[in-house]
Structures are given as C-alpha cells and as structure tokens.
C-alpha cells in the first residue's frame, strides 16, 4: 500500500447539484409575496398618515406628473393616464421600497437562523479542513 492511497477514507454520498424543487417554489412565492405585502402596507400607512396629519413630505404627496414628451408615444398613453390617476404614488413607492428592504432582510435573517439551527455541516467534502496550528506562548 502506498502512502498516497488510504483505504480508510470515507466516501461521502454524492451531493445533488441543484436545490430541492420545494426551495425554488418557496423562493418564487417569497419574491412575489414580499412586494405585494409591502405595497399594500405602504398604501395603508400613507392613507392613515395623511388622514391623521402625520408630517409626510409634501413633495411625495399628490399625483405624479408625466413629461409631455412621453405623451407623444400614443401606445403608452393608457399607461400614463393610469399613473397620473394614482394619488400619492411617490410616497407609496418610496415607503414600499423601504418595506421590501426590511422584509427581505428579516426573511434572510430567519432563514440564516433556521439553517444554522438545523446543524448543517460547516465544511463540505470539497472544503479544506481547518488548520491545525499549535502556537507556543511567547516568553521573554
């Protein structure tokens, strides 16, 4: 037996190359649900804040304005009409973006805690083992 061949090596089971399909479906649902929840929460919060007199910047309130040059594209006229009919659109979109960032961060943290608590191996079969270095204490 040569020094390069070790019969005691344990062979690990082959790791699948792609994640389980349920994780792809869950990720797809989360990427669709978070923006919808954020937009709905932003609409409710802006409407409540406007009714209660919260100090919301006046630049974000009101209806959006579309550049007159964009109205010359006749196929996009229904889109510009819809956008201009939305009240407080700038405030809603900015608050929805904030909610998206917060909810995505929370989702990421929850996933990290769950992944860590399951006890997945820290090092995979292709990772190098941690260094085993013994250092003597420094003496003068």
Protein backbone atom coordinates (compact mmCIF):
# COMPACT_ATOMS: atom_id res chain seq x y z
CA UNK A 1 0.00 0.00 0.00
CA UNK A 2 1.45 3.40 -0.95
CA UNK A 3 1.45 6.48 1.22
CA UNK A 4 -0.86 8.25 -1.23
CA UNK A 5 -3.63 5.70 -1.04
CA UNK A 6 -5.64 5.40 2.14
CA UNK A 7 -8.22 2.69 2.40
CA UNK A 8 -9.69 4.31 5.49
CA UNK A 9 -11.10 7.31 3.58
CA UNK A 10 -14.83 7.50 3.95
CA UNK A 11 -16.65 8.22 0.79
CA UNK A 12 -19.44 10.74 1.18
CA UNK A 13 -22.69 10.44 -0.69
CA UNK A 14 -22.77 12.48 -3.90
CA UNK A 15 -24.28 15.87 -3.29
CA UNK A 16 -27.12 16.92 -5.59
CA UNK A 17 -26.15 19.79 -7.86
CA UNK A 18 -29.39 21.74 -7.55
CA UNK A 19 -31.54 22.55 -4.54
CA UNK A 20 -34.72 20.67 -3.82
CA UNK A 21 -37.60 21.91 -6.01
CA UNK A 22 -39.60 22.99 -2.96
CA UNK A 23 -36.94 25.64 -2.20
CA UNK A 24 -37.22 27.08 -5.70
CA UNK A 25 -41.00 27.27 -5.35
CA UNK A 26 -40.74 28.84 -1.91
CA UNK A 27 -38.24 31.42 -3.17
CA UNK A 28 -40.54 32.25 -6.07
CA UNK A 29 -43.51 32.74 -3.74
CA UNK A 30 -41.49 34.92 -1.38
CA UNK A 31 -40.23 37.08 -4.25
CA UNK A 32 -43.85 37.64 -5.30
CA UNK A 33 -45.43 38.00 -1.86
CA UNK A 34 -42.98 40.48 -0.29
CA UNK A 35 -43.57 43.29 -2.85
CA UNK A 36 -47.35 42.81 -2.70
CA UNK A 37 -47.38 42.96 1.11
CA UNK A 38 -45.04 45.96 1.04
CA UNK A 39 -47.18 47.89 -1.43
CA UNK A 40 -50.37 47.14 0.49
CA UNK A 41 -48.76 48.16 3.78
CA UNK A 42 -47.43 51.36 2.24
CA UNK A 43 -50.86 52.29 0.86
CA UNK A 44 -52.50 51.74 4.24
CA UNK A 45 -49.80 53.62 6.13
CA UNK A 46 -49.77 56.62 3.77
CA UNK A 47 -53.58 56.88 3.78
CA UNK A 48 -53.66 56.65 7.58
CA UNK A 49 -50.83 59.13 7.94
CA UNK A 50 -52.46 61.63 5.60
CA UNK A 51 -55.77 61.35 7.47
CA UNK A 52 -54.12 61.79 10.88
CA UNK A 53 -51.89 64.66 9.77
CA UNK A 54 -48.51 62.95 10.05
CA UNK A 55 -45.59 65.04 8.75
CA UNK A 56 -45.17 63.41 5.34
CA UNK A 57 -43.03 65.46 2.91
CA UNK A 58 -45.29 67.42 0.58
CA UNK A 59 -43.00 66.63 -2.39
CA UNK A 60 -44.09 62.98 -2.18
CA UNK A 61 -47.80 63.70 -1.87
CA UNK A 62 -50.22 64.34 -4.73
CA UNK A 63 -50.43 62.95 -8.21
CA UNK A 64 -47.31 62.24 -10.30
CA UNK A 65 -46.53 64.34 -13.35
CA UNK A 66 -45.59 62.77 -16.69
CA UNK A 67 -43.30 64.62 -19.09
CA UNK A 68 -45.20 66.00 -22.12
CA UNK A 69 -42.74 64.32 -24.50
CA UNK A 70 -43.82 60.91 -23.20
CA UNK A 71 -47.45 61.66 -24.16
CA UNK A 72 -46.38 61.72 -27.81
CA UNK A 73 -45.93 57.95 -27.72
CA UNK A 74 -49.54 57.04 -28.42
CA UNK A 75 -49.26 53.38 -27.43
CA UNK A 76 -48.19 54.35 -23.88
CA UNK A 77 -50.94 56.91 -23.32
CA UNK A 78 -53.13 54.48 -21.29
CA UNK A 79 -50.16 53.75 -19.02
CA UNK A 80 -49.50 57.46 -18.41
CA UNK A 81 -53.20 58.02 -17.72
CA UNK A 82 -53.19 55.24 -15.14
CA UNK A 83 -50.02 56.55 -13.50
CA UNK A 84 -51.38 60.09 -13.28
CA UNK A 85 -54.61 58.81 -11.72
CA UNK A 86 -52.71 57.36 -8.73
CA UNK A 87 -52.75 59.59 -5.67
CA UNK A 88 -49.59 59.86 -3.51
CA UNK A 89 -47.72 57.45 -5.78
CA UNK A 90 -44.24 58.74 -4.92
CA UNK A 91 -44.84 58.38 -1.18
CA UNK A 92 -46.35 54.92 -1.60
CA UNK A 93 -43.50 53.64 -3.79
CA UNK A 94 -40.76 55.03 -1.53
CA UNK A 95 -42.36 53.51 1.59
CA UNK A 96 -42.97 50.22 -0.25
CA UNK A 97 -39.27 50.09 -1.20
CA UNK A 98 -38.36 50.60 2.46
CA UNK A 99 -40.75 47.79 3.47
CA UNK A 100 -39.30 45.49 0.80
CA UNK A 101 -35.79 46.03 2.17
CA UNK A 102 -36.91 45.42 5.76
CA UNK A 103 -38.98 42.31 4.97
CA UNK A 104 -36.29 40.81 2.75
CA UNK A 105 -33.72 41.39 5.50
CA UNK A 106 -35.94 39.75 8.10
CA UNK A 107 -36.60 36.81 5.80
CA UNK A 108 -32.87 36.42 5.22
CA UNK A 109 -32.13 36.52 8.96
CA UNK A 110 -34.85 33.98 9.74
CA UNK A 111 -33.53 31.68 7.01
CA UNK A 112 -29.98 32.01 8.37
CA UNK A 113 -31.10 31.14 11.91
CA UNK A 114 -33.10 28.17 10.66
CA UNK A 115 -30.19 26.93 8.53
CA UNK A 116 -27.79 27.27 11.44
CA UNK A 117 -30.12 25.56 13.91
CA UNK A 118 -30.62 22.51 11.69
CA UNK A 119 -26.94 21.79 12.15
CA UNK A 120 -25.68 21.66 8.62
CA UNK A 121 -22.02 20.75 8.29
CA UNK A 122 -19.71 23.71 8.39
CA UNK A 123 -17.29 22.21 5.89
CA UNK A 124 -18.31 20.28 2.80
CA UNK A 125 -16.37 17.48 1.15
CA UNK A 126 -14.53 19.92 -1.14
CA UNK A 127 -13.51 22.37 1.61
CA UNK A 128 -10.08 22.30 3.17
CA UNK A 129 -10.04 21.26 6.83
CA UNK A 130 -9.35 23.98 9.39
CA UNK A 131 -5.66 24.49 10.05
CA UNK A 132 -4.23 22.60 13.00
CA UNK A 133 -1.54 25.01 14.17
CA UNK A 134 -0.08 24.85 17.63
CA UNK A 135 1.50 28.08 18.75
CA UNK A 136 3.80 28.30 21.74
CA UNK A 137 3.20 31.03 24.23
CA UNK A 138 5.62 33.92 23.86
CA UNK A 139 8.13 34.26 26.70
CA UNK A 140 10.70 36.96 27.18
